[in-house]
N, C-alpha and C. Protein backbone atom coordinates (compact mmCIF):
# COMPACT_ATOMS: atom_id res chain seq x y z
N MET A 1 200.46 126.70 113.45
CA MET A 1 201.55 126.37 112.55
C MET A 1 201.41 124.97 111.94
N PRO A 2 201.11 123.92 112.72
CA PRO A 2 200.97 122.60 112.11
C PRO A 2 199.86 122.54 111.06
N ASN A 3 198.77 123.30 111.26
CA ASN A 3 197.70 123.28 110.27
C ASN A 3 198.16 123.88 108.94
N ILE A 4 199.03 124.88 109.01
CA ILE A 4 199.56 125.47 107.78
C ILE A 4 200.43 124.45 107.05
N LEU A 5 201.31 123.75 107.79
CA LEU A 5 202.15 122.72 107.19
C LEU A 5 201.31 121.60 106.61
N LYS A 6 200.27 121.22 107.34
CA LYS A 6 199.37 120.17 106.88
C LYS A 6 198.70 120.59 105.57
N TYR A 7 198.19 121.81 105.52
CA TYR A 7 197.51 122.33 104.33
C TYR A 7 198.48 122.41 103.14
N ILE A 8 199.69 122.92 103.37
CA ILE A 8 200.67 123.05 102.30
C ILE A 8 201.07 121.67 101.77
N THR A 9 201.32 120.74 102.67
CA THR A 9 201.72 119.39 102.26
C THR A 9 200.61 118.69 101.50
N LEU A 10 199.37 118.81 101.98
CA LEU A 10 198.25 118.20 101.26
C LEU A 10 198.05 118.83 99.89
N SER A 11 198.29 120.13 99.78
CA SER A 11 198.19 120.81 98.48
C SER A 11 199.26 120.32 97.51
N ILE A 12 200.48 120.15 98.00
CA ILE A 12 201.57 119.64 97.17
C ILE A 12 201.26 118.22 96.71
N LEU A 13 200.74 117.39 97.61
CA LEU A 13 200.38 116.02 97.25
C LEU A 13 199.26 116.00 96.20
N LYS A 14 198.32 116.91 96.33
CA LYS A 14 197.22 116.98 95.36
C LYS A 14 197.75 117.33 93.97
N VAL A 15 198.64 118.31 93.90
CA VAL A 15 199.25 118.68 92.61
C VAL A 15 200.05 117.50 92.05
N TYR A 16 200.82 116.85 92.91
CA TYR A 16 201.60 115.69 92.48
C TYR A 16 200.69 114.60 91.90
N GLN A 17 199.59 114.32 92.59
CA GLN A 17 198.68 113.27 92.13
C GLN A 17 198.00 113.63 90.82
N LYS A 18 197.68 114.90 90.62
CA LYS A 18 196.98 115.33 89.41
C LYS A 18 197.91 115.50 88.21
N VAL A 19 199.15 115.94 88.44
CA VAL A 19 200.03 116.30 87.33
C VAL A 19 201.14 115.26 87.11
N PHE A 20 201.94 115.02 88.13
CA PHE A 20 203.15 114.23 87.93
C PHE A 20 202.91 112.73 87.82
N THR A 21 201.84 112.21 88.38
CA THR A 21 201.59 110.78 88.26
C THR A 21 201.15 110.40 86.85
N LEU A 22 200.81 111.35 86.02
CA LEU A 22 200.48 111.05 84.63
C LEU A 22 201.70 110.49 83.89
N PHE A 23 202.90 110.88 84.31
CA PHE A 23 204.13 110.43 83.66
C PHE A 23 204.59 109.06 84.16
N SER A 24 204.16 108.67 85.33
CA SER A 24 204.62 107.39 85.90
C SER A 24 203.44 106.57 86.41
N TYR A 25 202.37 106.53 85.66
CA TYR A 25 201.15 105.84 86.10
C TYR A 25 201.44 104.36 86.35
N GLY A 26 201.00 103.86 87.50
CA GLY A 26 201.12 102.44 87.81
C GLY A 26 202.50 102.01 88.27
N SER A 27 203.36 102.94 88.65
CA SER A 27 204.71 102.55 89.04
C SER A 27 204.85 102.24 90.53
N CYS A 28 203.85 102.55 91.33
CA CYS A 28 203.93 102.27 92.76
C CYS A 28 203.70 100.78 93.01
N ARG A 29 204.48 100.20 93.89
CA ARG A 29 204.40 98.77 94.18
C ARG A 29 203.38 98.44 95.27
N TYR A 30 202.79 99.45 95.86
CA TYR A 30 201.90 99.24 96.99
C TYR A 30 200.50 99.75 96.70
N TYR A 31 199.55 99.22 97.46
CA TYR A 31 198.21 99.80 97.51
C TYR A 31 197.95 100.14 98.96
N PRO A 32 197.49 101.32 99.27
CA PRO A 32 197.32 102.50 98.43
C PRO A 32 198.67 103.02 97.97
N THR A 33 198.65 103.84 96.93
CA THR A 33 199.90 104.38 96.39
C THR A 33 200.63 105.19 97.47
N CYS A 34 201.89 105.43 97.24
CA CYS A 34 202.69 106.14 98.24
C CYS A 34 202.16 107.55 98.51
N SER A 35 201.69 108.23 97.47
CA SER A 35 201.16 109.58 97.68
C SER A 35 199.84 109.54 98.45
N GLU A 36 199.01 108.54 98.16
CA GLU A 36 197.75 108.40 98.90
C GLU A 36 198.02 108.02 100.35
N TYR A 37 199.00 107.14 100.56
CA TYR A 37 199.43 106.74 101.90
C TYR A 37 199.87 107.97 102.70
N ALA A 38 200.70 108.81 102.07
CA ALA A 38 201.19 110.02 102.74
C ALA A 38 200.03 110.94 103.08
N LYS A 39 199.07 111.06 102.17
CA LYS A 39 197.91 111.93 102.40
C LYS A 39 197.10 111.44 103.60
N TRP A 40 196.85 110.14 103.67
CA TRP A 40 196.08 109.58 104.79
C TRP A 40 196.85 109.74 106.10
N GLN A 41 198.16 109.54 106.06
CA GLN A 41 198.97 109.72 107.26
C GLN A 41 198.87 111.16 107.76
N ILE A 42 198.98 112.12 106.85
CA ILE A 42 198.93 113.53 107.25
C ILE A 42 197.55 113.90 107.78
N LEU A 43 196.51 113.33 107.22
CA LEU A 43 195.15 113.63 107.69
C LEU A 43 194.89 113.09 109.09
N TYR A 44 195.44 111.93 109.43
CA TYR A 44 195.04 111.27 110.67
C TYR A 44 196.15 111.04 111.68
N ASN A 45 197.38 111.40 111.39
CA ASN A 45 198.47 111.32 112.35
C ASN A 45 199.05 112.72 112.53
N GLY A 46 199.91 112.88 113.49
CA GLY A 46 200.61 114.15 113.63
C GLY A 46 201.54 114.38 112.45
N PHE A 47 201.88 115.63 112.18
CA PHE A 47 202.64 115.97 110.98
C PHE A 47 204.01 115.28 110.95
N ILE A 48 204.75 115.33 112.05
CA ILE A 48 206.10 114.74 112.10
C ILE A 48 206.01 113.22 111.94
N LYS A 49 205.10 112.60 112.66
CA LYS A 49 204.92 111.16 112.58
C LYS A 49 204.51 110.75 111.16
N ALA A 50 203.62 111.52 110.56
CA ALA A 50 203.16 111.24 109.20
C ALA A 50 204.31 111.35 108.21
N CYS A 51 205.14 112.36 108.35
CA CYS A 51 206.29 112.52 107.45
C CYS A 51 207.27 111.36 107.60
N PHE A 52 207.51 110.93 108.83
CA PHE A 52 208.42 109.82 109.09
C PHE A 52 207.92 108.54 108.43
N TYR A 53 206.65 108.18 108.68
CA TYR A 53 206.11 106.95 108.11
C TYR A 53 205.97 107.03 106.59
N SER A 54 205.68 108.19 106.07
CA SER A 54 205.59 108.36 104.61
C SER A 54 206.96 108.20 103.97
N LEU A 55 207.99 108.74 104.60
CA LEU A 55 209.35 108.59 104.08
C LEU A 55 209.77 107.12 104.09
N LEU A 56 209.48 106.41 105.17
CA LEU A 56 209.79 104.97 105.21
C LEU A 56 209.08 104.22 104.10
N ARG A 57 207.84 104.57 103.86
CA ARG A 57 207.07 103.91 102.80
C ARG A 57 207.68 104.18 101.43
N ILE A 58 208.07 105.42 101.17
CA ILE A 58 208.67 105.77 99.88
C ILE A 58 210.00 105.04 99.69
N LEU A 59 210.77 104.89 100.76
CA LEU A 59 212.03 104.16 100.67
C LEU A 59 211.82 102.68 100.39
N ARG A 60 210.69 102.12 100.82
CA ARG A 60 210.38 100.71 100.56
C ARG A 60 209.80 100.47 99.17
N CYS A 61 209.42 101.51 98.48
CA CYS A 61 208.76 101.37 97.18
C CYS A 61 209.81 101.27 96.08
N ASN A 62 210.45 100.10 95.99
CA ASN A 62 211.45 99.86 94.96
C ASN A 62 211.50 98.37 94.64
N GLN A 63 212.43 97.97 93.79
CA GLN A 63 212.50 96.59 93.33
C GLN A 63 212.98 95.61 94.40
N LEU A 64 213.56 96.10 95.47
CA LEU A 64 214.05 95.22 96.53
C LEU A 64 212.93 94.70 97.43
N PHE A 65 211.76 95.31 97.36
CA PHE A 65 210.62 94.91 98.18
C PHE A 65 209.50 94.45 97.26
N SER A 66 208.74 93.48 97.72
CA SER A 66 207.70 92.90 96.86
C SER A 66 206.46 93.78 96.71
N GLY A 67 206.25 94.71 97.61
CA GLY A 67 205.06 95.56 97.54
C GLY A 67 203.84 94.84 98.10
N GLY A 68 202.66 95.23 97.66
CA GLY A 68 201.43 94.61 98.12
C GLY A 68 200.52 95.63 98.79
N ILE A 69 199.65 95.12 99.65
CA ILE A 69 198.71 95.99 100.37
C ILE A 69 199.37 96.42 101.68
N ASP A 70 199.42 97.71 101.90
CA ASP A 70 200.05 98.26 103.10
C ASP A 70 199.27 99.49 103.55
N TYR A 71 198.22 99.27 104.33
CA TYR A 71 197.41 100.38 104.80
C TYR A 71 198.14 101.15 105.89
N PRO A 72 197.96 102.46 105.95
CA PRO A 72 198.59 103.24 107.02
C PRO A 72 197.98 102.88 108.38
N VAL A 73 198.81 102.89 109.40
CA VAL A 73 198.36 102.65 110.77
C VAL A 73 198.40 103.99 111.48
N VAL A 74 197.27 104.38 112.08
CA VAL A 74 197.18 105.66 112.77
C VAL A 74 196.68 105.44 114.19
N THR A 75 196.94 106.40 115.05
CA THR A 75 196.38 106.38 116.40
C THR A 75 195.27 107.41 116.43
N LYS A 76 194.15 107.01 116.97
CA LYS A 76 192.99 107.90 116.98
C LYS A 76 192.11 107.57 118.17
N LYS A 77 191.60 108.61 118.82
CA LYS A 77 190.64 108.43 119.91
C LYS A 77 189.25 108.73 119.37
N PHE A 78 188.34 107.84 119.62
CA PHE A 78 186.96 108.04 119.18
C PHE A 78 186.10 108.39 120.38
N GLN A 79 185.15 109.29 120.16
CA GLN A 79 184.20 109.63 121.20
C GLN A 79 182.94 108.80 121.00
N ASN A 80 182.29 108.47 122.10
CA ASN A 80 181.02 107.76 122.00
C ASN A 80 179.96 108.69 121.45
N PHE A 81 179.10 108.15 120.60
CA PHE A 81 178.01 108.96 120.07
C PHE A 81 176.82 108.05 119.81
N PHE A 82 175.66 108.66 119.76
CA PHE A 82 174.43 107.93 119.51
C PHE A 82 173.72 108.55 118.32
N LEU A 83 173.15 107.72 117.48
CA LEU A 83 172.37 108.21 116.34
C LEU A 83 170.90 107.96 116.63
N THR A 84 170.10 108.98 116.48
CA THR A 84 168.67 108.80 116.66
C THR A 84 168.01 108.77 115.29
N ALA A 85 166.93 108.05 115.17
CA ALA A 85 166.28 107.83 113.87
C ALA A 85 165.88 109.12 113.16
N PRO A 86 165.16 110.08 113.81
CA PRO A 86 164.74 111.27 113.07
C PRO A 86 165.91 112.16 112.64
N ALA A 87 166.95 112.24 113.45
CA ALA A 87 168.06 113.13 113.14
C ALA A 87 169.11 112.45 112.26
N TYR A 88 168.93 111.17 112.02
CA TYR A 88 169.94 110.42 111.28
C TYR A 88 169.82 110.67 109.78
N ASN A 89 170.83 111.29 109.24
CA ASN A 89 170.96 111.40 107.79
C ASN A 89 172.12 110.52 107.39
N SER A 90 172.05 109.94 106.25
CA SER A 90 173.10 109.05 105.80
C SER A 90 174.44 109.78 105.79
N PRO A 91 175.37 109.37 106.64
CA PRO A 91 176.65 110.08 106.71
C PRO A 91 177.50 109.78 105.48
N ASP A 92 178.34 110.71 105.14
CA ASP A 92 179.27 110.54 104.03
C ASP A 92 180.53 109.89 104.59
N ILE A 93 180.64 108.59 104.45
CA ILE A 93 181.77 107.85 105.01
C ILE A 93 182.90 107.85 103.99
N LYS A 94 184.06 108.40 104.37
CA LYS A 94 185.21 108.46 103.48
C LYS A 94 186.24 107.39 103.81
N PHE A 95 186.39 107.08 105.11
CA PHE A 95 187.38 106.11 105.54
C PHE A 95 186.79 105.21 106.62
N TRP A 96 187.28 103.99 106.67
CA TRP A 96 186.97 103.06 107.75
C TRP A 96 188.22 102.94 108.60
N PHE A 97 188.05 102.88 109.90
CA PHE A 97 189.16 102.68 110.82
C PHE A 97 189.03 101.26 111.37
N VAL A 98 189.88 100.37 110.89
CA VAL A 98 189.84 98.96 111.27
C VAL A 98 190.84 98.76 112.41
N PRO A 99 190.38 98.25 113.56
CA PRO A 99 191.29 98.12 114.71
C PRO A 99 192.47 97.20 114.43
N LYS A 100 193.66 97.67 114.77
CA LYS A 100 194.86 96.83 114.72
C LYS A 100 195.15 96.31 116.12
N ASN A 101 195.11 97.21 117.08
CA ASN A 101 195.18 96.85 118.49
C ASN A 101 194.38 97.91 119.26
N ILE A 102 194.58 98.01 120.56
CA ILE A 102 193.72 98.88 121.37
C ILE A 102 193.82 100.36 121.00
N LYS A 103 195.00 100.84 120.58
CA LYS A 103 195.17 102.27 120.33
C LYS A 103 195.40 102.63 118.86
N SER A 104 195.61 101.65 118.00
CA SER A 104 195.92 101.99 116.62
C SER A 104 194.97 101.30 115.65
N PHE A 105 194.81 101.94 114.50
CA PHE A 105 193.84 101.50 113.50
C PHE A 105 194.46 101.53 112.11
N TYR A 106 194.00 100.62 111.25
CA TYR A 106 194.31 100.70 109.83
C TYR A 106 193.32 101.67 109.21
N VAL A 107 193.78 102.50 108.29
CA VAL A 107 192.90 103.42 107.57
C VAL A 107 192.59 102.78 106.22
N VAL A 108 191.30 102.52 105.96
CA VAL A 108 190.87 101.90 104.71
C VAL A 108 189.87 102.83 104.05
N LYS A 109 190.10 103.14 102.78
CA LYS A 109 189.22 104.06 102.06
C LYS A 109 187.91 103.37 101.72
N ALA A 110 186.80 104.08 101.92
CA ALA A 110 185.48 103.56 101.58
C ALA A 110 185.18 103.90 100.13
N PHE A 111 184.78 102.91 99.36
CA PHE A 111 184.41 103.13 97.96
C PHE A 111 182.90 103.11 97.84
N LYS A 112 182.38 103.92 96.93
CA LYS A 112 180.94 103.99 96.75
C LYS A 112 180.53 103.29 95.49
């Protein structure tokens, strides 16, 4: 069930980003934009937690707050892994997880 909600929500966000942001381009006070923030939260946090933090972010996106850079903070467990030279192909890195503290990370998009 959560995967269905995740898929539906990400699909709605994709449509919003492609269609509706054309009418209000550049109106978000934060980087990443609120819709991108919500997308990253949904990808890397639980659905309920992601919805909560996304709603808080949307409520802060107004003239009463100065805006700025506000990367999403997620909790993630990483497994140890080793890369060997012959099997190593250049990985497609989409996001960097920058440590905030022992259990949480900032999600930063990798640009090519």
